Amino acid sequence: MKAPHSILRTGQTSCHNGSDELVACTGSGQDAELCKGLPWHEPRFVTQGEIVVDEVTGLIWTRDANRAEYP
Protein backbone atom coordinates (compact mmCIF):
# COMPACT_ATOMS: atom_id res chain seq x y z
CA MET A 1 0.00 0.00 0.00
CA LYS A 2 1.27 3.44 -0.91
CA ALA A 3 0.63 6.44 1.30
CA PRO A 4 -0.50 9.66 -0.39
CA HIS A 5 2.41 12.02 -1.06
CA SER A 6 0.67 15.02 -2.56
CA ILE A 7 -2.62 16.79 -2.96
CA LEU A 8 -5.07 15.19 -5.36
CA ARG A 9 -6.55 16.93 -8.38
CA THR A 10 -9.85 18.66 -7.72
CA GLY A 11 -11.44 17.72 -11.03
CA GLN A 12 -12.52 21.32 -11.58
CA THR A 13 -13.19 21.91 -15.30
CA SER A 14 -14.42 25.52 -15.41
CA CYS A 15 -13.45 28.85 -13.84
CA HIS A 16 -15.79 31.26 -12.04
CA ASN A 17 -15.60 34.74 -10.56
CA GLY A 18 -16.76 35.81 -7.09
CA SER A 19 -20.37 35.96 -8.31
CA ASP A 20 -20.13 32.38 -9.62
CA GLU A 21 -20.22 33.57 -13.22
CA LEU A 22 -18.28 31.54 -15.78
CA VAL A 23 -15.01 33.24 -16.80
CA ALA A 24 -12.06 32.36 -19.03
CA CYS A 25 -9.53 30.17 -17.21
CA THR A 26 -6.45 31.60 -18.98
CA GLY A 27 -4.46 33.59 -16.44
CA SER A 28 -6.95 32.98 -13.62
CA GLY A 29 -4.70 30.67 -11.60
CA GLN A 30 -7.75 28.58 -10.72
CA ASP A 31 -7.66 24.79 -10.52
CA ALA A 32 -9.33 24.30 -13.91
CA GLU A 33 -6.48 26.22 -15.57
CA LEU A 34 -3.61 24.56 -13.72
CA CYS A 35 -4.88 20.97 -13.25
CA LYS A 36 -2.17 20.35 -10.65
CA GLY A 37 -2.06 17.44 -8.27
CA LEU A 38 -2.10 13.69 -8.50
CA PRO A 39 -4.82 11.83 -10.37
CA TRP A 40 -7.35 9.84 -8.32
CA HIS A 41 -6.77 6.11 -8.02
CA GLU A 42 -9.10 3.86 -9.98
CA PRO A 43 -10.53 2.01 -8.26
CA ARG A 44 -10.32 4.09 -5.10
CA PHE A 45 -11.41 1.30 -2.74
CA VAL A 46 -9.74 -2.11 -2.94
CA THR A 47 -10.96 -5.19 -1.08
CA GLN A 48 -8.20 -7.44 0.24
CA GLY A 49 -9.82 -10.43 1.92
CA GLU A 50 -11.60 -9.13 5.00
CA ILE A 51 -10.26 -5.56 4.77
CA VAL A 52 -10.96 -2.56 2.57
CA VAL A 53 -8.17 -0.16 1.62
CA ASP A 54 -8.76 3.44 0.53
CA GLU A 55 -6.01 3.94 -2.07
CA VAL A 56 -6.31 7.75 -1.78
CA THR A 57 -6.03 8.22 2.01
CA GLY A 58 -4.34 4.95 2.97
CA LEU A 59 -7.09 4.21 5.52
CA ILE A 60 -7.87 0.55 6.16
CA TRP A 61 -10.96 -0.98 7.80
CA THR A 62 -12.64 -4.36 8.10
CA ARG A 63 -15.53 -5.35 5.86
CA ASP A 64 -17.36 -6.65 8.93
CA ALA A 65 -18.62 -3.70 11.01
CA ASN A 66 -19.35 -6.00 13.96
CA ARG A 67 -16.03 -7.87 13.99
CA ALA A 68 -16.01 -8.21 17.80
CA GLU A 69 -19.61 -9.55 17.72
CA TYR A 70 -21.08 -7.04 20.17
CA PRO A 71 -24.80 -7.55 20.92
C-alpha atoms as a PDB file:
ATOM      1  CA  MET A   1       0.000   0.000   0.000  1.00  0.00           C
ATOM      2  CA  LYS A   2       1.271   3.439  -0.911  1.00  0.00           C
ATOM      3  CA  ALA A   3       0.635   6.443   1.299  1.00  0.00           C
ATOM      4  CA  PRO A   4      -0.500   9.658  -0.391  1.00  0.00           C
ATOM      5  CA  HIS A   5       2.413  12.018  -1.064  1.00  0.00           C
ATOM      6  CA  SER A   6       0.674  15.020  -2.561  1.00  0.00           C
ATOM      7  CA  ILE A   7      -2.620  16.795  -2.962  1.00  0.00           C
ATOM      8  CA  LEU A   8      -5.073  15.193  -5.362  1.00  0.00           C
ATOM      9  CA  ARG A   9      -6.550  16.933  -8.380  1.00  0.00           C
ATOM     10  CA  THR A  10      -9.847  18.665  -7.717  1.00  0.00           C
ATOM     11  CA  GLY A  11     -11.436  17.716 -11.034  1.00  0.00           C
ATOM     12  CA  GLN A  12     -12.517  21.323 -11.580  1.00  0.00           C
ATOM     13  CA  THR A  13     -13.194  21.910 -15.300  1.00  0.00           C
ATOM     14  CA  SER A  14     -14.425  25.517 -15.406  1.00  0.00           C
ATOM     15  CA  CYS A  15     -13.446  28.855 -13.839  1.00  0.00           C
ATOM     16  CA  HIS A  16     -15.794  31.264 -12.042  1.00  0.00           C
ATOM     17  CA  ASN A  17     -15.602  34.745 -10.560  1.00  0.00           C
ATOM     18  CA  GLY A  18     -16.765  35.807  -7.092  1.00  0.00           C
ATOM     19  CA  SER A  19     -20.370  35.964  -8.310  1.00  0.00           C
ATOM     20  CA  ASP A  20     -20.132  32.375  -9.617  1.00  0.00           C
ATOM     21  CA  GLU A  21     -20.219  33.572 -13.220  1.00  0.00           C
ATOM     22  CA  LEU A  22     -18.282  31.544 -15.779  1.00  0.00           C
ATOM     23  CA  VAL A  23     -15.005  33.243 -16.801  1.00  0.00           C
ATOM     24  CA  ALA A  24     -12.056  32.360 -19.029  1.00  0.00           C
ATOM     25  CA  CYS A  25      -9.533  30.172 -17.212  1.00  0.00           C
ATOM     26  CA  THR A  26      -6.451  31.595 -18.977  1.00  0.00           C
ATOM     27  CA  GLY A  27      -4.455  33.592 -16.440  1.00  0.00           C
ATOM     28  CA  SER A  28      -6.948  32.981 -13.625  1.00  0.00           C
ATOM     29  CA  GLY A  29      -4.700  30.672 -11.599  1.00  0.00           C
ATOM     30  CA  GLN A  30      -7.747  28.584 -10.724  1.00  0.00           C
ATOM     31  CA  ASP A  31      -7.665  24.787 -10.522  1.00  0.00           C
ATOM     32  CA  ALA A  32      -9.333  24.301 -13.913  1.00  0.00           C
ATOM     33  CA  GLU A  33      -6.484  26.222 -15.572  1.00  0.00           C
ATOM     34  CA  LEU A  34      -3.614  24.559 -13.720  1.00  0.00           C
ATOM     35  CA  CYS A  35      -4.882  20.966 -13.252  1.00  0.00           C
ATOM     36  CA  LYS A  36      -2.174  20.347 -10.652  1.00  0.00           C
ATOM     37  CA  GLY A  37      -2.060  17.436  -8.272  1.00  0.00           C
ATOM     38  CA  LEU A  38      -2.098  13.691  -8.497  1.00  0.00           C
ATOM     39  CA  PRO A  39      -4.822  11.832 -10.367  1.00  0.00           C
ATOM     40  CA  TRP A  40      -7.355   9.838  -8.320  1.00  0.00           C
ATOM     41  CA  HIS A  41      -6.770   6.113  -8.016  1.00  0.00           C
ATOM     42  CA  GLU A  42      -9.104   3.864  -9.982  1.00  0.00           C
ATOM     43  CA  PRO A  43     -10.529   2.015  -8.260  1.00  0.00           C
ATOM     44  CA  ARG A  44     -10.322   4.086  -5.098  1.00  0.00           C
ATOM     45  CA  PHE A  45     -11.408   1.299  -2.742  1.00  0.00           C
ATOM     46  CA  VAL A  46      -9.742  -2.112  -2.939  1.00  0.00           C
ATOM     47  CA  THR A  47     -10.956  -5.187  -1.078  1.00  0.00           C
ATOM     48  CA  GLN A  48      -8.198  -7.443   0.245  1.00  0.00           C
ATOM     49  CA  GLY A  49      -9.822 -10.431   1.916  1.00  0.00           C
ATOM     50  CA  GLU A  50     -11.605  -9.127   5.001  1.00  0.00           C
ATOM     51  CA  ILE A  51     -10.263  -5.564   4.769  1.00  0.00           C
ATOM     52  CA  VAL A  52     -10.965  -2.559   2.568  1.00  0.00           C
ATOM     53  CA  VAL A  53      -8.167  -0.162   1.616  1.00  0.00           C
ATOM     54  CA  ASP A  54      -8.759   3.438   0.529  1.00  0.00           C
ATOM     55  CA  GLU A  55      -6.014   3.938  -2.066  1.00  0.00           C
ATOM     56  CA  VAL A  56      -6.310   7.749  -1.777  1.00  0.00           C
ATOM     57  CA  THR A  57      -6.030   8.219   2.005  1.00  0.00           C
ATOM     58  CA  GLY A  58      -4.345   4.951   2.970  1.00  0.00           C
ATOM     59  CA  LEU A  59      -7.086   4.208   5.521  1.00  0.00           C
ATOM     60  CA  ILE A  60      -7.873   0.549   6.164  1.00  0.00           C
ATOM     61  CA  TRP A  61     -10.958  -0.978   7.805  1.00  0.00           C
ATOM     62  CA  THR A  62     -12.638  -4.361   8.103  1.00  0.00           C
ATOM     63  CA  ARG A  63     -15.531  -5.352   5.858  1.00  0.00           C
ATOM     64  CA  ASP A  64     -17.365  -6.646   8.935  1.00  0.00           C
ATOM     65  CA  ALA A  65     -18.625  -3.695  11.014  1.00  0.00           C
ATOM     66  CA  ASN A  66     -19.345  -6.004  13.959  1.00  0.00           C
ATOM     67  CA  ARG A  67     -16.027  -7.868  13.989  1.00  0.00           C
ATOM     68  CA  ALA A  68     -16.013  -8.214  17.802  1.00  0.00           C
ATOM     69  CA  GLU A  69     -19.614  -9.548  17.724  1.00  0.00           C
ATOM     70  CA  TYR A  70     -21.080  -7.039  20.175  1.00  0.00           C
ATOM     71  CA  PRO A  71     -24.798  -7.548  20.922  1.00  0.00           C
END
